[in-house]
Protein backbone atom coordinates (compact mmCIF):
# COMPACT_ATOMS: atom_id res chain seq x y z
CA UNK A 1 -5.64 24.76 -1.92
CA UNK A 2 -5.20 21.03 -0.86
CA UNK A 3 -1.49 20.33 -0.12
CA UNK A 4 -1.33 16.87 1.33
CA UNK A 5 -3.39 13.52 1.11
CA UNK A 6 -3.23 12.28 4.67
CA UNK A 7 -3.99 8.57 5.02
CA UNK A 8 -4.83 6.76 8.20
CA UNK A 9 -4.17 3.21 9.11
CA UNK A 10 -6.19 1.74 12.00
CA UNK A 11 -4.28 -1.02 13.66
CA UNK A 12 -4.82 -3.31 16.61
CA UNK A 13 -1.21 -2.81 17.70
CA UNK A 14 -0.29 0.76 16.52
CA UNK A 15 3.17 0.57 18.05
CA UNK A 16 4.08 -2.54 15.92
CA UNK A 17 2.56 -0.92 12.79
CA UNK A 18 4.49 2.26 13.34
CA UNK A 19 7.74 0.35 13.96
CA UNK A 20 7.11 -1.50 10.65
CA UNK A 21 6.82 1.63 8.57
CA UNK A 22 9.67 3.22 10.48
CA UNK A 23 12.17 0.28 10.52
CA UNK A 24 11.20 -2.13 7.60
CA UNK A 25 9.79 0.35 5.06
CA UNK A 26 12.07 3.07 6.30
CA UNK A 27 9.74 5.88 5.53
CA UNK A 28 10.91 9.30 6.63
CA UNK A 29 8.68 10.56 9.52
CA UNK A 30 8.18 13.10 12.31
CA UNK A 31 7.01 12.49 15.84
CA UNK A 32 4.29 14.73 16.67
CA UNK A 33 4.68 13.87 20.43
CA UNK A 34 4.28 10.80 22.48
CA UNK A 35 5.42 8.38 19.86
CA UNK A 36 2.73 9.44 17.38
CA UNK A 37 4.65 9.08 13.94
CA UNK A 38 3.50 10.74 10.80
CA UNK A 39 5.21 9.17 7.74
CA UNK A 40 6.07 10.61 4.45
CA UNK A 41 4.73 8.54 1.54
CA UNK A 42 5.99 10.53 -1.39
CA UNK A 43 3.79 11.02 -4.47
CA UNK A 44 0.21 9.85 -4.31
CA UNK A 45 -2.63 9.54 -6.54
CA UNK A 46 -6.48 8.73 -6.09
CA UNK A 47 -8.31 5.97 -8.15
CA UNK A 48 -12.04 5.74 -7.91
CA UNK A 49 -13.62 2.36 -8.42
CA UNK A 50 -17.23 1.28 -8.34
CA UNK A 51 -18.33 -0.67 -5.07
CA UNK A 52 -19.97 -3.40 -7.31
CA UNK A 53 -19.13 -4.64 -10.69
CA UNK A 54 -20.41 -7.18 -13.24
CA UNK A 55 -18.38 -10.15 -14.76
CA UNK A 56 -16.34 -9.36 -17.83
CA UNK A 57 -12.66 -8.29 -18.73
CA UNK A 58 -12.13 -7.70 -14.97
CA UNK A 59 -12.97 -11.27 -13.82
CA UNK A 60 -16.09 -12.43 -11.95
CA UNK A 61 -18.86 -10.10 -10.73
CA UNK A 62 -18.40 -8.98 -7.27
CA UNK A 63 -18.71 -6.13 -4.67
CA UNK A 64 -16.87 -4.63 -1.72
CA UNK A 65 -17.93 -3.06 1.69
CA UNK A 66 -14.70 -1.02 1.67
CA UNK A 67 -14.87 2.68 1.48
CA UNK A 68 -11.02 3.25 1.27
CA UNK A 69 -7.94 1.26 0.42
CA UNK A 70 -4.40 1.94 0.76
CA UNK A 71 -1.76 0.49 -1.49
CA UNK A 72 1.92 0.89 -2.03
CA UNK A 73 3.52 1.02 -5.63
CA UNK A 74 7.06 0.30 -6.59
CA UNK A 75 8.99 0.24 -9.89
CA UNK A 76 10.30 -3.36 -9.42
CA UNK A 77 8.25 -5.74 -7.50
CA UNK A 78 10.76 -8.58 -7.18
CA UNK A 79 13.52 -6.18 -6.13
CA UNK A 80 11.39 -4.39 -3.62
CA UNK A 81 10.12 -7.74 -2.23
CA UNK A 82 13.70 -9.00 -1.82
CA UNK A 83 14.83 -5.54 -0.09
CA UNK A 84 11.83 -5.58 2.43
CA UNK A 85 12.17 -9.39 3.19
CA UNK A 86 15.88 -8.54 4.03
CA UNK A 87 14.42 -6.20 6.65
CA UNK A 88 12.13 -8.77 8.00
CA UNK A 89 8.86 -8.13 5.95
CA UNK A 90 6.62 -11.16 5.02
CA UNK A 91 4.06 -11.48 2.36
CA UNK A 92 0.76 -13.31 2.16
CA UNK A 93 0.29 -15.45 -0.97
CA UNK A 94 2.17 -15.34 -4.29
CA UNK A 95 2.62 -12.59 -6.79
CA UNK A 96 -0.29 -12.15 -9.08
CA UNK A 97 -0.60 -10.60 -12.52
CA UNK A 98 -3.71 -8.52 -12.49
CA UNK A 99 -3.37 -7.01 -16.08
CA UNK A 100 -2.97 -3.55 -14.65
CA UNK A 101 0.02 -4.48 -12.67
CA UNK A 102 1.77 -7.22 -10.63
CA UNK A 103 0.58 -7.62 -6.95
CA UNK A 104 1.48 -9.19 -3.72
CA UNK A 105 -0.08 -8.62 -0.17
CA UNK A 106 2.43 -7.15 2.23
CA UNK A 107 1.86 -8.18 5.91
CA UNK A 108 1.75 -5.11 8.11
CA UNK A 109 2.39 -6.15 11.77
CA UNK A 110 -0.20 -4.82 14.28
CA UNK A 111 -2.59 -4.15 11.40
CA UNK A 112 -3.40 -6.37 8.38
CA UNK A 113 -2.23 -6.71 4.86
CA UNK A 114 -1.51 -4.09 2.35
CA UNK A 115 -1.33 -4.37 -1.48
CA UNK A 116 2.11 -3.79 -2.88
CA UNK A 117 2.22 -3.51 -6.66
CA UNK A 118 4.28 -2.79 -9.67
CA UNK A 119 1.94 -0.91 -12.12
CA UNK A 120 1.80 -1.80 -15.72
CA UNK A 121 0.94 1.94 -16.53
CA UNK A 122 2.75 5.16 -15.99
CA UNK A 123 1.62 6.38 -12.56
CA UNK A 124 0.10 9.89 -12.73
CA UNK A 125 1.63 10.60 -9.33
CA UNK A 126 5.09 10.48 -11.10
CA UNK A 127 4.12 12.79 -13.87
CA UNK A 128 6.45 15.93 -14.09
């Protein structure tokens, strides 16, 4: 039986990225040795999207070469952004309404950006 979804983030400065998850996001973690931190991320869910799409309700046609993507969901985007900014987090761009939720790009030091969003649906990861 599968018990955990383990996500990897590849960073050009792994120490800075680990410090961000530890100090700014304040995720619980364990040190598996030598500073290799594994973070608890709480409930998770998997969405499967096509790698290309036609124009329509979802905007212009497009495609992606990504195979996987990691996002963080919250229940109040404005409050979460304010709390994270108070701990030194920065954001790339403005909040966008995507229809399925409000989103912003969270800058992850030593890595890239990660989508932070407030879903407009009831996340299945939070179902009882």
